């Protein structure tokens, strides 16, 4: 029986369910292992891992920085627009760049996010009206619900069922893969158990 604490940093995403399944299976066999979660973006997570504050991180849409090991997870998050159900764009099956021209949008404050959005939108990006930025999209969704703004991000995070919100994917599609990252420092027995369980669960996906 292994006891101990495992510290994991991760962003917000509905696709984290498979990682939670791994955690549940570990705790059935080793109930003395406790998991602690920290919510943040990739830069914050890497910073905390590098200083020993976290054992692992789950990042989206980019390679880990130099000095980190990583394991690909067979899940992806699709970018789209969260908006009110009574929005004119809610009748669309997907959102193309011209749909967002001259619209008040809410985006992630990460520079990489804006860079990818700009590449997707092309010249239309010059007419996007960035009304606000966010760190956690759950808070940003309130701006869509109450202020009629268009929030760009992952739709899997917000529970749309029986709500006044809708999610429509971007076209052309933008999606992010998930990766588990960690540093090379010695792991505790509990952290090593989690890593081995993750490797078994995602064995067909290469470790870098």
C-alpha atoms as a PDB file:
ATOM      1  CA  UNK A   1       0.000   0.000   0.000  1.00  0.00           C
ATOM      2  CA  UNK A   2       1.409   3.368  -1.041  1.00  0.00           C
ATOM      3  CA  UNK A   3       0.615   6.598   0.794  1.00  0.00           C
ATOM      4  CA  UNK A   4       1.479  10.179  -0.056  1.00  0.00           C
ATOM      5  CA  UNK A   5       0.534  13.334  -1.916  1.00  0.00           C
ATOM      6  CA  UNK A   6       0.578  14.112  -5.638  1.00  0.00           C
ATOM      7  CA  UNK A   7       0.396  17.723  -6.843  1.00  0.00           C
ATOM      8  CA  UNK A   8      -0.946  18.352 -10.347  1.00  0.00           C
ATOM      9  CA  UNK A   9      -1.440  21.641 -12.170  1.00  0.00           C
ATOM     10  CA  UNK A  10      -3.923  21.870 -15.020  1.00  0.00           C
ATOM     11  CA  UNK A  11      -6.037  24.272 -16.993  1.00  0.00           C
ATOM     12  CA  UNK A  12      -9.779  24.058 -17.476  1.00  0.00           C
ATOM     13  CA  UNK A  13     -10.993  21.395 -19.919  1.00  0.00           C
ATOM     14  CA  UNK A  14     -13.726  18.803 -20.105  1.00  0.00           C
ATOM     15  CA  UNK A  15     -11.297  16.347 -21.700  1.00  0.00           C
ATOM     16  CA  UNK A  16      -9.531  15.870 -18.358  1.00  0.00           C
ATOM     17  CA  UNK A  17     -12.021  13.111 -17.521  1.00  0.00           C
ATOM     18  CA  UNK A  18      -9.658  10.337 -18.649  1.00  0.00           C
ATOM     19  CA  UNK A  19      -7.004  11.579 -16.238  1.00  0.00           C
ATOM     20  CA  UNK A  20      -9.589  11.615 -13.456  1.00  0.00           C
ATOM     21  CA  UNK A  21     -10.407   7.997 -14.318  1.00  0.00           C
ATOM     22  CA  UNK A  22      -6.750   7.097 -13.803  1.00  0.00           C
ATOM     23  CA  UNK A  23      -6.757   8.896 -10.446  1.00  0.00           C
ATOM     24  CA  UNK A  24      -9.938   7.099  -9.362  1.00  0.00           C
ATOM     25  CA  UNK A  25      -8.424   3.696 -10.210  1.00  0.00           C
ATOM     26  CA  UNK A  26      -5.262   4.505  -8.235  1.00  0.00           C
ATOM     27  CA  UNK A  27      -7.218   5.543  -5.156  1.00  0.00           C
ATOM     28  CA  UNK A  28      -9.289   2.367  -5.210  1.00  0.00           C
ATOM     29  CA  UNK A  29      -6.081   0.361  -4.817  1.00  0.00           C
ATOM     30  CA  UNK A  30      -4.156   2.955  -2.788  1.00  0.00           C
ATOM     31  CA  UNK A  31      -6.641   5.081  -0.794  1.00  0.00           C
ATOM     32  CA  UNK A  32      -3.752   6.678   1.082  1.00  0.00           C
ATOM     33  CA  UNK A  33      -2.649   8.595  -2.009  1.00  0.00           C
ATOM     34  CA  UNK A  34      -4.075  12.115  -1.987  1.00  0.00           C
ATOM     35  CA  UNK A  35      -4.240  14.341  -5.071  1.00  0.00           C
ATOM     36  CA  UNK A  36      -4.020  18.128  -4.961  1.00  0.00           C
ATOM     37  CA  UNK A  37      -4.991  20.240  -7.971  1.00  0.00           C
ATOM     38  CA  UNK A  38      -3.830  23.685  -8.993  1.00  0.00           C
ATOM     39  CA  UNK A  39      -5.595  25.601 -11.772  1.00  0.00           C
ATOM     40  CA  UNK A  40      -3.470  27.759 -14.042  1.00  0.00           C
ATOM     41  CA  UNK A  41      -2.104  28.264 -17.531  1.00  0.00           C
ATOM     42  CA  UNK A  42       0.916  26.455 -19.008  1.00  0.00           C
ATOM     43  CA  UNK A  43       3.446  29.104 -17.996  1.00  0.00           C
ATOM     44  CA  UNK A  44       2.281  29.116 -14.372  1.00  0.00           C
ATOM     45  CA  UNK A  45       2.281  25.330 -14.247  1.00  0.00           C
ATOM     46  CA  UNK A  46       5.803  25.002 -15.665  1.00  0.00           C
ATOM     47  CA  UNK A  47       7.027  27.635 -13.204  1.00  0.00           C
ATOM     48  CA  UNK A  48       5.588  25.712 -10.260  1.00  0.00           C
ATOM     49  CA  UNK A  49       6.910  22.351 -11.448  1.00  0.00           C
ATOM     50  CA  UNK A  50      10.369  23.873 -11.923  1.00  0.00           C
ATOM     51  CA  UNK A  51      10.366  25.061  -8.318  1.00  0.00           C
ATOM     52  CA  UNK A  52       9.077  21.830  -6.825  1.00  0.00           C
ATOM     53  CA  UNK A  53       5.621  23.167  -6.013  1.00  0.00           C
ATOM     54  CA  UNK A  54       3.923  20.699  -8.381  1.00  0.00           C
ATOM     55  CA  UNK A  55       4.809  17.162  -9.453  1.00  0.00           C
ATOM     56  CA  UNK A  56       3.008  17.231 -12.797  1.00  0.00           C
ATOM     57  CA  UNK A  57       1.124  19.500 -15.134  1.00  0.00           C
ATOM     58  CA  UNK A  58      -1.427  19.039 -17.891  1.00  0.00           C
ATOM     59  CA  UNK A  59      -0.972  21.550 -20.700  1.00  0.00           C
ATOM     60  CA  UNK A  60      -2.893  22.173 -23.893  1.00  0.00           C
ATOM     61  CA  UNK A  61      -1.897  23.018 -27.426  1.00  0.00           C
ATOM     62  CA  UNK A  62       1.864  23.310 -27.248  1.00  0.00           C
ATOM     63  CA  UNK A  63       5.076  21.438 -26.582  1.00  0.00           C
ATOM     64  CA  UNK A  64       6.546  21.475 -23.101  1.00  0.00           C
ATOM     65  CA  UNK A  65       9.496  23.796 -22.593  1.00  0.00           C
ATOM     66  CA  UNK A  66      13.065  22.504 -22.685  1.00  0.00           C
ATOM     67  CA  UNK A  67      13.950  20.402 -19.665  1.00  0.00           C
ATOM     68  CA  UNK A  68      10.478  18.886 -19.248  1.00  0.00           C
ATOM     69  CA  UNK A  69       9.393  15.368 -20.120  1.00  0.00           C
ATOM     70  CA  UNK A  70       5.922  14.856 -21.557  1.00  0.00           C
ATOM     71  CA  UNK A  71       3.356  12.183 -22.373  1.00  0.00           C
ATOM     72  CA  UNK A  72       0.713  12.752 -25.051  1.00  0.00           C
ATOM     73  CA  UNK A  73      -2.896  12.140 -23.998  1.00  0.00           C
ATOM     74  CA  UNK A  74      -5.364  10.983 -26.654  1.00  0.00           C
ATOM     75  CA  UNK A  75      -7.834  13.776 -26.131  1.00  0.00           C
ATOM     76  CA  UNK A  76      -8.308  17.118 -27.842  1.00  0.00           C
ATOM     77  CA  UNK A  77     -10.061  20.371 -27.069  1.00  0.00           C
ATOM     78  CA  UNK A  78     -11.850  22.242 -29.858  1.00  0.00           C
ATOM     79  CA  UNK A  79     -11.915  26.037 -30.009  1.00  0.00           C
ATOM     80  CA  UNK A  80     -15.218  27.769 -30.509  1.00  0.00           C
ATOM     81  CA  UNK A  81     -17.443  30.652 -29.462  1.00  0.00           C
ATOM     82  CA  UNK A  82     -19.593  30.708 -26.345  1.00  0.00           C
ATOM     83  CA  UNK A  83     -22.552  33.048 -26.697  1.00  0.00           C
ATOM     84  CA  UNK A  84     -26.148  33.588 -25.668  1.00  0.00           C
ATOM     85  CA  UNK A  85     -28.732  31.313 -27.245  1.00  0.00           C
ATOM     86  CA  UNK A  86     -30.568  34.360 -28.556  1.00  0.00           C
ATOM     87  CA  UNK A  87     -27.435  35.683 -30.287  1.00  0.00           C
ATOM     88  CA  UNK A  88     -27.681  36.017 -34.080  1.00  0.00           C
ATOM     89  CA  UNK A  89     -24.601  33.783 -34.431  1.00  0.00           C
ATOM     90  CA  UNK A  90     -26.174  30.968 -32.394  1.00  0.00           C
ATOM     91  CA  UNK A  91     -28.128  29.904 -35.480  1.00  0.00           C
ATOM     92  CA  UNK A  92     -24.862  29.031 -37.260  1.00  0.00           C
ATOM     93  CA  UNK A  93     -23.428  25.512 -37.217  1.00  0.00           C
ATOM     94  CA  UNK A  94     -19.896  26.948 -37.104  1.00  0.00           C
ATOM     95  CA  UNK A  95     -18.215  30.334 -36.831  1.00  0.00           C
ATOM     96  CA  UNK A  96     -15.947  31.705 -39.574  1.00  0.00           C
ATOM     97  CA  UNK A  97     -13.697  34.779 -39.151  1.00  0.00           C
ATOM     98  CA  UNK A  98     -16.029  37.266 -40.853  1.00  0.00           C
ATOM     99  CA  UNK A  99     -18.795  36.365 -38.363  1.00  0.00           C
ATOM    100  CA  UNK A 100     -16.795  37.979 -35.554  1.00  0.00           C
ATOM    101  CA  UNK A 101     -15.910  41.196 -37.327  1.00  0.00           C
ATOM    102  CA  UNK A 102     -17.067  44.241 -35.318  1.00  0.00           C
ATOM    103  CA  UNK A 103     -18.291  41.970 -32.514  1.00  0.00           C
ATOM    104  CA  UNK A 104     -17.276  42.366 -28.842  1.00  0.00           C
ATOM    105  CA  UNK A 105     -15.160  39.290 -28.126  1.00  0.00           C
ATOM    106  CA  UNK A 106     -13.560  37.909 -24.965  1.00  0.00           C
ATOM    107  CA  UNK A 107     -10.315  35.961 -25.335  1.00  0.00           C
ATOM    108  CA  UNK A 108      -7.621  34.296 -23.257  1.00  0.00           C
ATOM    109  CA  UNK A 109      -4.931  36.705 -22.128  1.00  0.00           C
ATOM    110  CA  UNK A 110      -2.133  34.329 -23.185  1.00  0.00           C
ATOM    111  CA  UNK A 111      -0.026  35.692 -26.040  1.00  0.00           C
ATOM    112  CA  UNK A 112       0.050  32.324 -27.831  1.00  0.00           C
ATOM    113  CA  UNK A 113      -3.752  32.224 -27.859  1.00  0.00           C
ATOM    114  CA  UNK A 114      -3.982  35.633 -29.534  1.00  0.00           C
ATOM    115  CA  UNK A 115      -1.295  34.669 -32.049  1.00  0.00           C
ATOM    116  CA  UNK A 116      -3.172  31.548 -33.121  1.00  0.00           C
ATOM    117  CA  UNK A 117      -6.471  33.405 -33.255  1.00  0.00           C
ATOM    118  CA  UNK A 118      -4.873  36.055 -35.448  1.00  0.00           C
ATOM    119  CA  UNK A 119      -3.519  33.415 -37.851  1.00  0.00           C
ATOM    120  CA  UNK A 120      -6.963  31.778 -38.017  1.00  0.00           C
ATOM    121  CA  UNK A 121      -8.804  35.038 -38.657  1.00  0.00           C
ATOM    122  CA  UNK A 122      -6.367  36.572 -41.153  1.00  0.00           C
ATOM    123  CA  UNK A 123      -7.239  40.123 -42.179  1.00  0.00           C
ATOM    124  CA  UNK A 124     -10.588  39.909 -40.355  1.00  0.00           C
ATOM    125  CA  UNK A 125      -8.684  39.983 -37.059  1.00  0.00           C
ATOM    126  CA  UNK A 126      -8.103  43.720 -37.477  1.00  0.00           C
ATOM    127  CA  UNK A 127     -11.853  44.243 -37.045  1.00  0.00           C
ATOM    128  CA  UNK A 128     -12.241  42.047 -33.948  1.00  0.00           C
ATOM    129  CA  UNK A 129     -13.177  44.141 -30.919  1.00  0.00           C
ATOM    130  CA  UNK A 130     -11.459  42.611 -27.884  1.00  0.00           C
ATOM    131  CA  UNK A 131     -13.702  43.716 -25.023  1.00  0.00           C
ATOM    132  CA  UNK A 132     -12.000  41.666 -22.290  1.00  0.00           C
ATOM    133  CA  UNK A 133      -9.450  38.938 -21.622  1.00  0.00           C
ATOM    134  CA  UNK A 134      -9.656  36.025 -19.201  1.00  0.00           C
ATOM    135  CA  UNK A 135      -7.530  33.575 -17.278  1.00  0.00           C
ATOM    136  CA  UNK A 136     -10.335  31.140 -16.355  1.00  0.00           C
ATOM    137  CA  UNK A 137     -13.097  30.740 -18.922  1.00  0.00           C
ATOM    138  CA  UNK A 138     -15.831  29.943 -16.393  1.00  0.00           C
ATOM    139  CA  UNK A 139     -15.649  33.545 -15.250  1.00  0.00           C
ATOM    140  CA  UNK A 140     -15.561  34.810 -18.838  1.00  0.00           C
ATOM    141  CA  UNK A 141     -18.760  32.918 -19.657  1.00  0.00           C
ATOM    142  CA  UNK A 142     -20.605  35.327 -17.367  1.00  0.00           C
ATOM    143  CA  UNK A 143     -19.775  38.099 -19.840  1.00  0.00           C
ATOM    144  CA  UNK A 144     -21.439  36.071 -22.578  1.00  0.00           C
ATOM    145  CA  UNK A 145     -24.478  35.343 -20.427  1.00  0.00           C
ATOM    146  CA  UNK A 146     -25.102  38.822 -19.054  1.00  0.00           C
ATOM    147  CA  UNK A 147     -23.348  41.130 -21.514  1.00  0.00           C
ATOM    148  CA  UNK A 148     -23.983  39.459 -24.845  1.00  0.00           C
ATOM    149  CA  UNK A 149     -20.283  39.157 -25.639  1.00  0.00           C
ATOM    150  CA  UNK A 150     -18.622  36.377 -27.645  1.00  0.00           C
ATOM    151  CA  UNK A 151     -16.181  34.279 -25.624  1.00  0.00           C
ATOM    152  CA  UNK A 152     -13.596  32.303 -27.603  1.00  0.00           C
ATOM    153  CA  UNK A 153     -12.223  29.159 -25.953  1.00  0.00           C
ATOM    154  CA  UNK A 154     -12.996  25.526 -25.179  1.00  0.00           C
ATOM    155  CA  UNK A 155     -16.684  24.653 -25.138  1.00  0.00           C
ATOM    156  CA  UNK A 156     -16.285  21.488 -23.067  1.00  0.00           C
ATOM    157  CA  UNK A 157     -15.646  23.453 -19.889  1.00  0.00           C
ATOM    158  CA  UNK A 158     -19.006  25.194 -19.627  1.00  0.00           C
ATOM    159  CA  UNK A 159     -22.141  23.184 -18.887  1.00  0.00           C
ATOM    160  CA  UNK A 160     -24.519  24.312 -21.622  1.00  0.00           C
ATOM    161  CA  UNK A 161     -27.361  21.998 -20.625  1.00  0.00           C
ATOM    162  CA  UNK A 162     -30.450  23.916 -19.544  1.00  0.00           C
ATOM    163  CA  UNK A 163     -28.521  27.188 -19.773  1.00  0.00           C
ATOM    164  CA  UNK A 164     -28.927  30.333 -21.821  1.00  0.00           C
ATOM    165  CA  UNK A 165     -25.597  29.728 -23.590  1.00  0.00           C
ATOM    166  CA  UNK A 166     -24.569  28.016 -26.821  1.00  0.00           C
ATOM    167  CA  UNK A 167     -21.226  26.838 -28.215  1.00  0.00           C
ATOM    168  CA  UNK A 168     -20.321  26.852 -31.902  1.00  0.00           C
ATOM    169  CA  UNK A 169     -16.932  25.586 -33.203  1.00  0.00           C
ATOM    170  CA  UNK A 170     -14.576  27.722 -35.249  1.00  0.00           C
ATOM    171  CA  UNK A 171     -14.088  26.932 -38.933  1.00  0.00           C
ATOM    172  CA  UNK A 172     -11.489  26.138 -40.094  1.00  0.00           C
ATOM    173  CA  UNK A 173     -11.128  24.032 -36.964  1.00  0.00           C
ATOM    174  CA  UNK A 174      -8.598  24.866 -34.262  1.00  0.00           C
ATOM    175  CA  UNK A 175      -7.910  22.219 -31.641  1.00  0.00           C
ATOM    176  CA  UNK A 176      -5.408  21.571 -28.867  1.00  0.00           C
ATOM    177  CA  UNK A 177      -3.874  18.267 -27.814  1.00  0.00           C
ATOM    178  CA  UNK A 178      -3.224  17.471 -24.157  1.00  0.00           C
ATOM    179  CA  UNK A 179       0.129  16.536 -22.619  1.00  0.00           C
ATOM    180  CA  UNK A 180       1.196  15.453 -19.150  1.00  0.00           C
ATOM    181  CA  UNK A 181       4.506  17.138 -18.236  1.00  0.00           C
ATOM    182  CA  UNK A 182       7.037  16.695 -15.424  1.00  0.00           C
ATOM    183  CA  UNK A 183      10.669  17.403 -14.581  1.00  0.00           C
ATOM    184  CA  UNK A 184      13.484  14.921 -14.137  1.00  0.00           C
ATOM    185  CA  UNK A 185      13.791  15.293 -10.370  1.00  0.00           C
ATOM    186  CA  UNK A 186      13.222  12.161  -8.237  1.00  0.00           C
ATOM    187  CA  UNK A 187       9.520  11.476  -7.702  1.00  0.00           C
ATOM    188  CA  UNK A 188       7.876  10.323  -4.504  1.00  0.00           C
ATOM    189  CA  UNK A 189       6.440   6.796  -4.505  1.00  0.00           C
ATOM    190  CA  UNK A 190       2.935   8.248  -4.862  1.00  0.00           C
ATOM    191  CA  UNK A 191       3.925  10.482  -7.791  1.00  0.00           C
ATOM    192  CA  UNK A 192       5.789   7.608  -9.472  1.00  0.00           C
ATOM    193  CA  UNK A 193       2.685   5.435  -9.111  1.00  0.00           C
ATOM    194  CA  UNK A 194       0.584   8.084 -10.858  1.00  0.00           C
ATOM    195  CA  UNK A 195       3.115   8.438 -13.695  1.00  0.00           C
ATOM    196  CA  UNK A 196       3.307   4.691 -14.302  1.00  0.00           C
ATOM    197  CA  UNK A 197      -0.485   4.460 -14.324  1.00  0.00           C
ATOM    198  CA  UNK A 198      -0.662   7.288 -16.872  1.00  0.00           C
ATOM    199  CA  UNK A 199       1.928   5.593 -19.075  1.00  0.00           C
ATOM    200  CA  UNK A 200      -0.046   2.344 -19.005  1.00  0.00           C
ATOM    201  CA  UNK A 201      -3.290   4.154 -19.834  1.00  0.00           C
ATOM    202  CA  UNK A 202      -1.756   6.059 -22.758  1.00  0.00           C
ATOM    203  CA  UNK A 203       0.912   3.545 -23.791  1.00  0.00           C
ATOM    204  CA  UNK A 204       0.227   3.954 -27.510  1.00  0.00           C
ATOM    205  CA  UNK A 205       1.064   7.657 -27.340  1.00  0.00           C
ATOM    206  CA  UNK A 206       4.778   8.529 -27.320  1.00  0.00           C
ATOM    207  CA  UNK A 207       6.648   9.983 -24.407  1.00  0.00           C
ATOM    208  CA  UNK A 208       9.003  12.847 -25.244  1.00  0.00           C
END
